[in-house]
PDB file of N, CA and C in Angstrom:
ATOM      1  N   MET A   1       1.345  10.416 -11.674  1.00  0.00           N
ATOM      2  CA  MET A   1       1.974   9.555 -10.693  1.00  0.00           C
ATOM      3  C   MET A   1       1.608  10.090  -9.305  1.00  0.00           C
ATOM      4  N   THR A   2       1.221   9.160  -8.426  1.00  0.00           N
ATOM      5  CA  THR A   2       0.874   9.510  -7.053  1.00  0.00           C
ATOM      6  C   THR A   2       1.669   8.610  -6.120  1.00  0.00           C
ATOM      7  N   ARG A   3       2.267   9.203  -5.087  1.00  0.00           N
ATOM      8  CA  ARG A   3       3.115   8.449  -4.163  1.00  0.00           C
ATOM      9  C   ARG A   3       2.555   8.522  -2.750  1.00  0.00           C
ATOM     10  N   TYR A   4       2.627   7.390  -2.046  1.00  0.00           N
ATOM     11  CA  TYR A   4       2.209   7.289  -0.651  1.00  0.00           C
ATOM     12  C   TYR A   4       3.309   6.594   0.142  1.00  0.00           C
ATOM     13  N   ILE A   5       3.517   7.027   1.384  1.00  0.00           N
ATOM     14  CA  ILE A   5       4.469   6.370   2.277  1.00  0.00           C
ATOM     15  C   ILE A   5       3.806   6.152   3.628  1.00  0.00           C
ATOM     16  N   GLY A   6       4.281   5.146   4.368  1.00  0.00           N
ATOM     17  CA  GLY A   6       3.729   4.877   5.690  1.00  0.00           C
ATOM     18  C   GLY A   6       4.093   3.491   6.151  1.00  0.00           C
ATOM     19  N   VAL A   7       3.259   2.931   7.022  1.00  0.00           N
ATOM     20  CA  VAL A   7       3.530   1.612   7.590  1.00  0.00           C
ATOM     21  C   VAL A   7       2.361   0.668   7.342  1.00  0.00           C
ATOM     22  N   LEU A   8       2.707  -0.621   7.232  1.00  0.00           N
ATOM     23  CA  LEU A   8       1.719  -1.691   7.035  1.00  0.00           C
ATOM     24  C   LEU A   8       1.992  -2.783   8.061  1.00  0.00           C
ATOM     25  N   PRO A   9       1.013  -3.639   8.315  1.00  0.00           N
ATOM     26  CA  PRO A   9       1.212  -4.712   9.291  1.00  0.00           C
ATOM     27  C   PRO A   9       2.189  -5.770   8.776  1.00  0.00           C
ATOM     28  N   CYS A  10       2.824  -6.459   9.709  1.00  0.00           N
ATOM     29  CA  CYS A  10       3.776  -7.508   9.369  1.00  0.00           C
ATOM     30  C   CYS A  10       3.604  -8.641  10.373  1.00  0.00           C
ATOM     31  N   SER A  11       3.487  -9.868   9.883  1.00  0.00           N
ATOM     32  CA  SER A  11       3.288 -11.000  10.786  1.00  0.00           C
ATOM     33  C   SER A  11       4.600 -11.555  11.335  1.00  0.00           C
ATOM     34  N   ASP A  12       5.738 -11.220  10.717  1.00  0.00           N
ATOM     35  CA  ASP A  12       7.010 -11.764  11.203  1.00  0.00           C
ATOM     36  C   ASP A  12       8.064 -10.684  11.460  1.00  0.00           C
ATOM     37  N   CYS A  13       7.623  -9.448  11.613  1.00  0.00           N
ATOM     38  CA  CYS A  13       8.532  -8.350  11.958  1.00  0.00           C
ATOM     39  C   CYS A  13       7.722  -7.299  12.719  1.00  0.00           C
ATOM     40  N   ARG A  14       8.392  -6.226  13.147  1.00  0.00           N
ATOM     41  CA  ARG A  14       7.681  -5.199  13.915  1.00  0.00           C
ATOM     42  C   ARG A  14       6.687  -4.445  13.036  1.00  0.00           C
ATOM     43  N   VAL A  15       7.132  -4.001  11.867  1.00  0.00           N
ATOM     44  CA  VAL A  15       6.285  -3.224  10.967  1.00  0.00           C
ATOM     45  C   VAL A  15       6.951  -3.212   9.593  1.00  0.00           C
ATOM     46  N   ILE A  16       6.161  -2.927   8.572  1.00  0.00           N
ATOM     47  CA  ILE A  16       6.700  -2.758   7.225  1.00  0.00           C
ATOM     48  C   ILE A  16       6.592  -1.279   6.865  1.00  0.00           C
ATOM     49  N   ARG A  17       7.726  -0.676   6.525  1.00  0.00           N
ATOM     50  CA  ARG A  17       7.713   0.687   5.992  1.00  0.00           C
ATOM     51  C   ARG A  17       7.490   0.569   4.497  1.00  0.00           C
ATOM     52  N   ALA A  18       6.447   1.226   4.021  1.00  0.00           N
ATOM     53  CA  ALA A  18       6.044   1.091   2.619  1.00  0.00           C
ATOM     54  C   ALA A  18       6.181   2.403   1.869  1.00  0.00           C
ATOM     55  N   ASP A  19       6.585   2.294   0.606  1.00  0.00           N
ATOM     56  CA  ASP A  19       6.689   3.430  -0.309  1.00  0.00           C
ATOM     57  C   ASP A  19       6.021   2.980  -1.607  1.00  0.00           C
ATOM     58  N   LEU A  20       4.827   3.509  -1.880  1.00  0.00           N
ATOM     59  CA  LEU A  20       3.988   3.075  -2.997  1.00  0.00           C
ATOM     60  C   LEU A  20       3.845   4.202  -4.010  1.00  0.00           C
ATOM     61  N   THR A  21       4.114   3.906  -5.272  1.00  0.00           N
ATOM     62  CA  THR A  21       3.889   4.865  -6.347  1.00  0.00           C
ATOM     63  C   THR A  21       2.896   4.262  -7.327  1.00  0.00           C
ATOM     64  N   LEU A  22       1.787   4.969  -7.540  1.00  0.00           N
ATOM     65  CA  LEU A  22       0.761   4.561  -8.496  1.00  0.00           C
ATOM     66  C   LEU A  22       0.973   5.346  -9.785  1.00  0.00           C
ATOM     67  N   HIS A  23       1.100   4.648 -10.899  1.00  0.00           N
ATOM     68  CA  HIS A  23       1.295   5.291 -12.189  1.00  0.00           C
ATOM     69  C   HIS A  23      -0.025   5.312 -12.953  1.00  0.00           C
ATOM     70  N   ARG A  24      -0.218   6.377 -13.730  1.00  0.00           N
ATOM     71  CA  ARG A  24      -1.416   6.523 -14.563  1.00  0.00           C
ATOM     72  C   ARG A  24      -0.991   6.824 -16.001  1.00  0.00           C
ATOM     73  N   ASP A  25      -1.833   6.420 -16.930  1.00  0.00           N
ATOM     74  CA  ASP A  25      -1.609   6.736 -18.328  1.00  0.00           C
ATOM     75  C   ASP A  25      -1.649   8.259 -18.494  1.00  0.00           C
ATOM     76  N   ALA A  26      -0.673   8.819 -19.165  1.00  0.00           N
ATOM     77  CA  ALA A  26      -0.576  10.274 -19.323  1.00  0.00           C
ATOM     78  C   ALA A  26      -1.734  10.862 -20.122  1.00  0.00           C
ATOM     79  N   GLU A  27      -2.318  10.090 -21.019  1.00  0.00           N
ATOM     80  CA  GLU A  27      -3.382  10.623 -21.864  1.00  0.00           C
ATOM     81  C   GLU A  27      -4.758  10.544 -21.234  1.00  0.00           C
ATOM     82  N   ASP A  28      -5.111   9.384 -20.665  1.00  0.00           N
ATOM     83  CA  ASP A  28      -6.477   9.239 -20.155  1.00  0.00           C
ATOM     84  C   ASP A  28      -6.577   9.037 -18.646  1.00  0.00           C
ATOM     85  N   GLY A  29      -5.440   8.966 -17.943  1.00  0.00           N
ATOM     86  CA  GLY A  29      -5.466   8.856 -16.487  1.00  0.00           C
ATOM     87  C   GLY A  29      -5.790   7.480 -15.941  1.00  0.00           C
ATOM     88  N   ARG A  30      -5.929   6.489 -16.818  1.00  0.00           N
ATOM     89  CA  ARG A  30      -6.248   5.135 -16.349  1.00  0.00           C
ATOM     90  C   ARG A  30      -5.040   4.514 -15.644  1.00  0.00           C
ATOM     91  N   PRO A  31      -5.272   3.538 -14.762  1.00  0.00           N
ATOM     92  CA  PRO A  31      -4.166   2.877 -14.057  1.00  0.00           C
ATOM     93  C   PRO A  31      -3.133   2.309 -15.031  1.00  0.00           C
ATOM     94  N   ALA A  32      -1.854   2.541 -14.709  1.00  0.00           N
ATOM     95  CA  ALA A  32      -0.760   2.067 -15.564  1.00  0.00           C
ATOM     96  C   ALA A  32       0.323   1.402 -14.725  1.00  0.00           C
ATOM     97  N   GLY A  33      -0.077   0.716 -13.665  1.00  0.00           N
ATOM     98  CA  GLY A  33       0.861  -0.037 -12.849  1.00  0.00           C
ATOM     99  C   GLY A  33       1.272   0.685 -11.576  1.00  0.00           C
ATOM    100  N   TYR A  34       1.928  -0.067 -10.705  1.00  0.00           N
ATOM    101  CA  TYR A  34       2.427   0.501  -9.449  1.00  0.00           C
ATOM    102  C   TYR A  34       3.819  -0.049  -9.178  1.00  0.00           C
ATOM    103  N   PHE A  35       4.512   0.619  -8.268  1.00  0.00           N
ATOM    104  CA  PHE A  35       5.830   0.214  -7.779  1.00  0.00           C
ATOM    105  C   PHE A  35       5.763   0.324  -6.264  1.00  0.00           C
ATOM    106  N   LEU A  36       6.083  -0.755  -5.550  1.00  0.00           N
ATOM    107  CA  LEU A  36       5.992  -0.781  -4.089  1.00  0.00           C
ATOM    108  C   LEU A  36       7.312  -1.288  -3.511  1.00  0.00           C
ATOM    109  N   GLN A  37       7.890  -0.490  -2.637  1.00  0.00           N
ATOM    110  CA  GLN A  37       9.093  -0.908  -1.924  1.00  0.00           C
ATOM    111  C   GLN A  37       8.711  -1.055  -0.451  1.00  0.00           C
ATOM    112  N   GLN A  38       9.024  -2.236   0.132  1.00  0.00           N
ATOM    113  CA  GLN A  38       8.676  -2.529   1.523  1.00  0.00           C
ATOM    114  C   GLN A  38       9.936  -2.878   2.295  1.00  0.00           C
ATOM    115  N   THR A  39      10.145  -2.186   3.425  1.00  0.00           N
ATOM    116  CA  THR A  39      11.259  -2.509   4.303  1.00  0.00           C
ATOM    117  C   THR A  39      10.702  -3.144   5.568  1.00  0.00           C
ATOM    118  N   HIS A  40      11.078  -4.393   5.817  1.00  0.00           N
ATOM    119  CA  HIS A  40      10.640  -5.130   7.001  1.00  0.00           C
ATOM    120  C   HIS A  40      11.567  -4.744   8.151  1.00  0.00           C
ATOM    121  N   VAL A  41      10.999  -4.107   9.159  1.00  0.00           N
ATOM    122  CA  VAL A  41      11.779  -3.581  10.275  1.00  0.00           C
ATOM    123  C   VAL A  41      11.806  -4.599  11.414  1.00  0.00           C
ATOM    124  N   ASP A  42      12.997  -4.845  11.954  1.00  0.00           N
ATOM    125  CA  ASP A  42      13.204  -5.790  13.059  1.00  0.00           C
ATOM    126  C   ASP A  42      12.774  -7.208  12.704  1.00  0.00           C
ATOM    127  N   ALA A  43      13.036  -7.612  11.478  1.00  0.00           N
ATOM    128  CA  ALA A  43      12.751  -8.980  11.048  1.00  0.00           C
ATOM    129  C   ALA A  43      13.845  -9.904  11.584  1.00  0.00           C
ATOM    130  N   VAL A  44      13.558 -11.190  11.653  1.00  0.00           N
ATOM    131  CA  VAL A  44      14.563 -12.166  12.045  1.00  0.00           C
ATOM    132  C   VAL A  44      15.703 -12.061  11.029  1.00  0.00           C
ATOM    133  N   GLY A  45      16.917 -11.880  11.508  1.00  0.00           N
ATOM    134  CA  GLY A  45      18.059 -11.711  10.612  1.00  0.00           C
ATOM    135  C   GLY A  45      18.311 -10.267  10.219  1.00  0.00           C
ATOM    136  N   GLY A  46      17.491  -9.351  10.676  1.00  0.00           N
ATOM    137  CA  GLY A  46      17.693  -7.930  10.387  1.00  0.00           C
ATOM    138  C   GLY A  46      16.698  -7.370   9.386  1.00  0.00           C
ATOM    139  N   ASP A  47      16.766  -6.071   9.214  1.00  0.00           N
ATOM    140  CA  ASP A  47      15.881  -5.395   8.267  1.00  0.00           C
ATOM    141  C   ASP A  47      16.195  -5.859   6.847  1.00  0.00           C
ATOM    142  N   TYR A  48      15.165  -5.934   6.016  1.00  0.00           N
ATOM    143  CA  TYR A  48      15.385  -6.199   4.600  1.00  0.00           C
ATOM    144  C   TYR A  48      14.300  -5.510   3.784  1.00  0.00           C
ATOM    145  N   THR A  49      14.635  -5.234   2.526  1.00  0.00           N
ATOM    146  CA  THR A  49      13.728  -4.516   1.634  1.00  0.00           C
ATOM    147  C   THR A  49      13.341  -5.402   0.457  1.00  0.00           C
ATOM    148  N   SER A  50      12.051  -5.370   0.104  1.00  0.00           N
ATOM    149  CA  SER A  50      11.520  -6.096  -1.048  1.00  0.00           C
ATOM    150  C   SER A  50      10.879  -5.090  -1.996  1.00  0.00           C
ATOM    151  N   THR A  51      10.931  -5.377  -3.279  1.00  0.00           N
ATOM    152  CA  THR A  51      10.342  -4.505  -4.286  1.00  0.00           C
ATOM    153  C   THR A  51       9.320  -5.296  -5.090  1.00  0.00           C
ATOM    154  N   PHE A  52       8.165  -4.688  -5.314  1.00  0.00           N
ATOM    155  CA  PHE A  52       7.081  -5.310  -6.067  1.00  0.00           C
ATOM    156  C   PHE A  52       6.559  -4.326  -7.102  1.00  0.00           C
ATOM    157  N   TRP A  53       6.029  -4.846  -8.167  1.00  0.00           N
ATOM    158  CA  TRP A  53       5.328  -4.030  -9.140  1.00  0.00           C
ATOM    159  C   TRP A  53       4.232  -4.889  -9.734  1.00  0.00           C
ATOM    160  N   GLY A  54       3.238  -4.225 -10.245  1.00  0.00           N
ATOM    161  CA  GLY A  54       2.107  -4.940 -10.804  1.00  0.00           C
ATOM    162  C   GLY A  54       1.043  -3.973 -11.257  1.00  0.00           C
ATOM    163  N   GLU A  55      -0.147  -4.484 -11.386  1.00  0.00           N
ATOM    164  CA  GLU A  55      -1.286  -3.681 -11.820  1.00  0.00           C
ATOM    165  C   GLU A  55      -2.130  -3.264 -10.623  1.00  0.00           C
ATOM    166  N   TRP A  56      -2.794  -2.148 -10.744  1.00  0.00           N
ATOM    167  CA  TRP A  56      -3.723  -1.702  -9.711  1.00  0.00           C
ATOM    168  C   TRP A  56      -5.001  -1.252 -10.401  1.00  0.00           C
ATOM    169  N   ARG A  57      -6.054  -1.236  -9.607  1.00  0.00           N
ATOM    170  CA  ARG A  57      -7.326  -0.727 -10.123  1.00  0.00           C
ATOM    171  C   ARG A  57      -8.067  -0.010  -9.014  1.00  0.00           C
ATOM    172  N   LEU A  58      -8.937   0.859  -9.422  1.00  0.00           N
ATOM    173  CA  LEU A  58      -9.786   1.605  -8.508  1.00  0.00           C
ATOM    174  C   LEU A  58     -11.120   0.899  -8.477  1.00  0.00           C
ATOM    175  N   ARG A  59     -11.628   0.632  -7.259  1.00  0.00           N
ATOM    176  CA  ARG A  59     -12.925  -0.052  -7.192  1.00  0.00           C
ATOM    177  C   ARG A  59     -13.772   0.533  -6.069  1.00  0.00           C
ATOM    178  N   PRO A  60     -15.059   0.748  -6.349  1.00  0.00           N
ATOM    179  CA  PRO A  60     -15.964   1.228  -5.306  1.00  0.00           C
ATOM    180  C   PRO A  60     -16.411   0.069  -4.419  1.00  0.00           C
ATOM    181  N   VAL A  61     -16.481   0.326  -3.120  1.00  0.00           N
ATOM    182  CA  VAL A  61     -17.030  -0.630  -2.152  1.00  0.00           C
ATOM    183  C   VAL A  61     -17.943   0.191  -1.252  1.00  0.00           C
ATOM    184  N   GLY A  62     -19.235   0.007  -1.412  1.00  0.00           N
ATOM    185  CA  GLY A  62     -20.185   0.835  -0.684  1.00  0.00           C
ATOM    186  C   GLY A  62     -20.025   2.283  -1.120  1.00  0.00           C
ATOM    187  N   ASP A  63     -19.872   3.168  -0.141  1.00  0.00           N
ATOM    188  CA  ASP A  63     -19.704   4.593  -0.432  1.00  0.00           C
ATOM    189  C   ASP A  63     -18.244   4.996  -0.572  1.00  0.00           C
ATOM    190  N   ALA A  64     -17.327   4.056  -0.427  1.00  0.00           N
ATOM    191  CA  ALA A  64     -15.892   4.388  -0.447  1.00  0.00           C
ATOM    192  C   ALA A  64     -15.225   3.853  -1.711  1.00  0.00           C
ATOM    193  N   LEU A  65     -14.109   4.475  -2.063  1.00  0.00           N
ATOM    194  CA  LEU A  65     -13.282   3.989  -3.163  1.00  0.00           C
ATOM    195  C   LEU A  65     -12.051   3.310  -2.591  1.00  0.00           C
ATOM    196  N   HIS A  66     -11.597   2.262  -3.273  1.00  0.00           N
ATOM    197  CA  HIS A  66     -10.437   1.496  -2.824  1.00  0.00           C
ATOM    198  C   HIS A  66      -9.473   1.278  -3.983  1.00  0.00           C
ATOM    199  N   TYR A  67      -8.187   1.209  -3.658  1.00  0.00           N
ATOM    200  CA  TYR A  67      -7.187   0.744  -4.611  1.00  0.00           C
ATOM    201  C   TYR A  67      -6.965  -0.726  -4.332  1.00  0.00           C
ATOM    202  N   ARG A  68      -6.908  -1.523  -5.380  1.00  0.00           N
ATOM    203  CA  ARG A  68      -6.597  -2.949  -5.250  1.00  0.00           C
ATOM    204  C   ARG A  68      -5.302  -3.190  -6.018  1.00  0.00           C
ATOM    205  N   LEU A  69      -4.269  -3.665  -5.303  1.00  0.00           N
ATOM    206  CA  LEU A  69      -2.969  -3.925  -5.894  1.00  0.00           C
ATOM    207  C   LEU A  69      -2.815  -5.411  -6.166  1.00  0.00           C
ATOM    208  N   GLU A  70      -2.533  -5.762  -7.398  1.00  0.00           N
ATOM    209  CA  GLU A  70      -2.297  -7.151  -7.797  1.00  0.00           C
ATOM    210  C   GLU A  70      -0.793  -7.342  -7.967  1.00  0.00           C
ATOM    211  N   GLY A  71      -0.332  -8.591  -7.939  1.00  0.00           N
ATOM    212  CA  GLY A  71       1.070  -8.878  -8.175  1.00  0.00           C
ATOM    213  C   GLY A  71       1.861  -9.165  -6.910  1.00  0.00           C
ATOM    214  N   LEU A  72       1.195  -9.169  -5.763  1.00  0.00           N
ATOM    215  CA  LEU A  72       1.809  -9.524  -4.494  1.00  0.00           C
ATOM    216  C   LEU A  72       1.396 -10.952  -4.148  1.00  0.00           C
ATOM    217  N   GLU A  73       1.871 -11.472  -3.025  1.00  0.00           N
ATOM    218  CA  GLU A  73       1.457 -12.814  -2.591  1.00  0.00           C
ATOM    219  C   GLU A  73      -0.056 -12.949  -2.611  1.00  0.00           C
ATOM    220  N   ARG A  74      -0.703 -11.943  -2.082  1.00  0.00           N
ATOM    221  CA  ARG A  74      -2.163 -11.851  -2.131  1.00  0.00           C
ATOM    222  C   ARG A  74      -2.503 -10.393  -2.388  1.00  0.00           C
ATOM    223  N   PRO A  75      -3.622 -10.130  -3.039  1.00  0.00           N
ATOM    224  CA  PRO A  75      -3.967  -8.738  -3.356  1.00  0.00           C
ATOM    225  C   PRO A  75      -4.043  -7.881  -2.103  1.00  0.00           C
ATOM    226  N   VAL A  76      -3.659  -6.633  -2.247  1.00  0.00           N
ATOM    227  CA  VAL A  76      -3.735  -5.657  -1.162  1.00  0.00           C
ATOM    228  C   VAL A  76      -4.834  -4.666  -1.505  1.00  0.00           C
ATOM    229  N   VAL A  77      -5.675  -4.358  -0.518  1.00  0.00           N
ATOM    230  CA  VAL A  77      -6.750  -3.395  -0.713  1.00  0.00           C
ATOM    231  C   VAL A  77      -6.528  -2.233   0.245  1.00  0.00           C
ATOM    232  N   LEU A  78      -6.519  -1.018  -0.320  1.00  0.00           N
ATOM    233  CA  LEU A  78      -6.307   0.200   0.459  1.00  0.00           C
ATOM    234  C   LEU A  78      -7.487   1.131   0.238  1.00  0.00           C
ATOM    235  N   ARG A  79      -8.093   1.590   1.335  1.00  0.00           N
ATOM    236  CA  ARG A  79      -9.260   2.480   1.278  1.00  0.00           C
ATOM    237  C   ARG A  79      -8.776   3.925   1.126  1.00  0.00           C
ATOM    238  N   ILE A  80      -9.349   4.643   0.167  1.00  0.00           N
ATOM    239  CA  ILE A  80      -8.990   6.036  -0.062  1.00  0.00           C
ATOM    240  C   ILE A  80      -9.744   6.899   0.938  1.00  0.00           C
ATOM    241  N   GLU A  81      -8.993   7.686   1.712  1.00  0.00           N
ATOM    242  CA  GLU A  81      -9.581   8.549   2.740  1.00  0.00           C
ATOM    243  C   GLU A  81      -9.028   9.967   2.605  1.00  0.00           C
ATOM    244  N   GLU A  82      -9.622  10.898   3.322  1.00  0.00           N
ATOM    245  CA  GLU A  82      -9.139  12.281   3.381  1.00  0.00           C
ATOM    246  C   GLU A  82      -8.919  12.863   1.981  1.00  0.00           C
ATOM    247  N   GLU A  83      -9.910  12.643   1.096  1.00  0.00           N
ATOM    248  CA  GLU A  83      -9.863  13.169  -0.274  1.00  0.00           C
ATOM    249  C   GLU A  83      -8.593  12.766  -1.006  1.00  0.00           C
ATOM    250  N   GLY A  84      -8.135  11.542  -0.791  1.00  0.00           N
ATOM    251  CA  GLY A  84      -6.983  11.012  -1.489  1.00  0.00           C
ATOM    252  C   GLY A  84      -5.648  11.269  -0.814  1.00  0.00           C
ATOM    253  N   GLU A  85      -5.649  11.931   0.328  1.00  0.00           N
ATOM    254  CA  GLU A  85      -4.402  12.216   1.043  1.00  0.00           C
ATOM    255  C   GLU A  85      -3.936  11.037   1.892  1.00  0.00           C
ATOM    256  N   LEU A  86      -4.818  10.084   2.154  1.00  0.00           N
ATOM    257  CA  LEU A  86      -4.534   8.971   3.058  1.00  0.00           C
ATOM    258  C   LEU A  86      -5.105   7.677   2.478  1.00  0.00           C
ATOM    259  N   LEU A  87      -4.336   6.593   2.620  1.00  0.00           N
ATOM    260  CA  LEU A  87      -4.829   5.259   2.266  1.00  0.00           C
ATOM    261  C   LEU A  87      -4.851   4.423   3.527  1.00  0.00           C
ATOM    262  N   GLY A  88      -5.990   3.832   3.852  1.00  0.00           N
ATOM    263  CA  GLY A  88      -6.130   2.970   5.027  1.00  0.00           C
ATOM    264  C   GLY A  88      -6.058   1.508   4.642  1.00  0.00           C
ATOM    265  N   TRP A  89      -5.317   0.737   5.415  1.00  0.00           N
ATOM    266  CA  TRP A  89      -5.138  -0.698   5.168  1.00  0.00           C
ATOM    267  C   TRP A  89      -6.439  -1.412   5.451  1.00  0.00           C
ATOM    268  N   VAL A  90      -6.965  -2.191   4.488  1.00  0.00           N
ATOM    269  CA  VAL A  90      -8.241  -2.883   4.634  1.00  0.00           C
ATOM    270  C   VAL A  90      -8.040  -4.340   5.036  1.00  0.00           C
ATOM    271  N   ASN A  91      -6.921  -4.957   4.681  1.00  0.00           N
ATOM    272  CA  ASN A  91      -6.701  -6.386   4.879  1.00  0.00           C
ATOM    273  C   ASN A  91      -6.311  -6.767   6.304  1.00  0.00           C
ATOM    274  N   ILE A  92      -6.552  -5.953   7.286  1.00  0.00           N
ATOM    275  CA  ILE A  92      -6.069  -6.183   8.651  1.00  0.00           C
ATOM    276  C   ILE A  92      -6.604  -7.485   9.251  1.00  0.00           C
ATOM    277  N   ARG A  93      -7.752  -7.976   8.808  1.00  0.00           N
ATOM    278  CA  ARG A  93      -8.304  -9.224   9.351  1.00  0.00           C
ATOM    279  C   ARG A  93      -7.394 -10.413   9.088  1.00  0.00           C
ATOM    280  N   GLU A  94      -6.524 -10.305   8.095  1.00  0.00           N
ATOM    281  CA  GLU A  94      -5.601 -11.399   7.797  1.00  0.00           C
ATOM    282  C   GLU A  94      -4.533 -11.550   8.877  1.00  0.00           C
ATOM    283  N   PHE A  95      -4.394 -10.544   9.728  1.00  0.00           N
ATOM    284  CA  PHE A  95      -3.341 -10.543  10.740  1.00  0.00           C
ATOM    285  C   PHE A  95      -3.986 -10.557  12.124  1.00  0.00           C
ATOM    286  N   ARG A  96      -4.739 -11.579  12.416  1.00  0.00           N
ATOM    287  CA  ARG A  96      -5.495 -11.670  13.663  1.00  0.00           C
ATOM    288  C   ARG A  96      -4.609 -11.597  14.903  1.00  0.00           C
ATOM    289  N   ASP A  97      -3.361 -12.062  14.808  1.00  0.00           N
ATOM    290  CA  ASP A  97      -2.502 -12.087  15.981  1.00  0.00           C
ATOM    291  C   ASP A  97      -1.872 -10.727  16.284  1.00  0.00           C
ATOM    292  N   LEU A  98      -2.037  -9.746  15.411  1.00  0.00           N
ATOM    293  CA  LEU A  98      -1.469  -8.421  15.651  1.00  0.00           C
ATOM    294  C   LEU A  98      -2.412  -7.593  16.506  1.00  0.00           C
ATOM    295  N   GLU A  99      -1.821  -6.677  17.267  1.00  0.00           N
ATOM    296  CA  GLU A  99      -2.645  -5.748  18.035  1.00  0.00           C
ATOM    297  C   GLU A  99      -3.398  -4.848  17.067  1.00  0.00           C
ATOM    298  N   ALA A 100      -4.566  -4.386  17.475  1.00  0.00           N
ATOM    299  CA  ALA A 100      -5.301  -3.434  16.646  1.00  0.00           C
ATOM    300  C   ALA A 100      -4.468  -2.165  16.542  1.00  0.00           C
ATOM    301  N   ALA A 101      -4.231  -1.726  15.358  1.00  0.00           N
ATOM    302  CA  ALA A 101      -3.421  -0.536  15.141  1.00  0.00           C
ATOM    303  C   ALA A 101      -3.893   0.146  13.868  1.00  0.00           C
ATOM    304  N   SER A 102      -3.446   1.346  13.682  1.00  0.00           N
ATOM    305  CA  SER A 102      -3.803   2.098  12.498  1.00  0.00           C
ATOM    306  C   SER A 102      -2.658   1.998  11.498  1.00  0.00           C
ATOM    307  N   TYR A 103      -2.876   1.299  10.416  1.00  0.00           N
ATOM    308  CA  TYR A 103      -1.876   1.160   9.371  1.00  0.00           C
ATOM    309  C   TYR A 103      -2.298   2.029   8.206  1.00  0.00           C
ATOM    310  N   GLU A 104      -1.469   3.018   7.879  1.00  0.00           N
ATOM    311  CA  GLU A 104      -1.853   4.016   6.899  1.00  0.00           C
ATOM    312  C   GLU A 104      -0.685   4.370   5.992  1.00  0.00           C
ATOM    313  N   LEU A 105      -1.037   4.832   4.803  1.00  0.00           N
ATOM    314  CA  LEU A 105      -0.075   5.407   3.877  1.00  0.00           C
ATOM    315  C   LEU A 105      -0.533   6.838   3.583  1.00  0.00           C
ATOM    316  N   TRP A 106       0.382   7.788   3.715  1.00  0.00           N
ATOM    317  CA  TRP A 106       0.078   9.197   3.484  1.00  0.00           C
ATOM    318  C   TRP A 106       0.668   9.649   2.160  1.00  0.00           C
ATOM    319  N   ARG A 107      -0.034  10.534   1.467  1.00  0.00           N
ATOM    320  CA  ARG A 107       0.452  11.072   0.194  1.00  0.00           C
ATOM    321  C   ARG A 107       1.771  11.797   0.427  1.00  0.00           C
ATOM    322  N   ALA A 108       2.706  11.589  -0.502  1.00  0.00           N
ATOM    323  CA  ALA A 108       4.031  12.197  -0.420  1.00  0.00           C
ATOM    324  C   ALA A 108       4.403  12.730  -1.801  1.00  0.00           C
ATOM    325  N   GLU A 109       5.420  13.540  -1.846  1.00  0.00           N
ATOM    326  CA  GLU A 109       5.913  14.056  -3.114  1.00  0.00           C
ATOM    327  C   GLU A 109       6.530  12.918  -3.924  1.00  0.00           C
ATOM    328  N   PRO A 110       6.240  12.855  -5.224  1.00  0.00           N
ATOM    329  CA  PRO A 110       6.853  11.817  -6.061  1.00  0.00           C
ATOM    330  C   PRO A 110       8.368  11.964  -6.083  1.00  0.00           C
ATOM    331  N   LEU A 111       9.072  10.845  -6.197  1.00  0.00           N
ATOM    332  CA  LEU A 111      10.520  10.875  -6.344  1.00  0.00           C
ATOM    333  C   LEU A 111      10.850  11.299  -7.763  1.00  0.00           C
ATOM    334  N   ARG A 112      11.894  12.037  -7.915  1.00  0.00           N
ATOM    335  CA  ARG A 112      12.293  12.508  -9.254  1.00  0.00           C
ATOM    336  C   ARG A 112      13.550  11.843  -9.694  1.00  0.00           C
TER     337      ARG A 112
END
């Protein structure tokens, strides 16, 4: 199990605080689903939290590896950086009206 926390872009709030846990099969290490909790900060009507789960896969794109998360409104693609310590948001083009910013998830200790 690998956990990442950080912020993601939001089109109708200030930012989304994300907590992502990637699960792997204990025997062969293959993807075994994910759990994502997102808190929308300063949304209309106040902060709220959504929970998602689904399948993920590892995919190469050029010289980089990416995680692709399925089971959301639209798939999320995160670029693996810093030897797996950092995930960079790849889907930023979908949010053209947002200022250019660095949206990242950093590796964190798994919850017990």
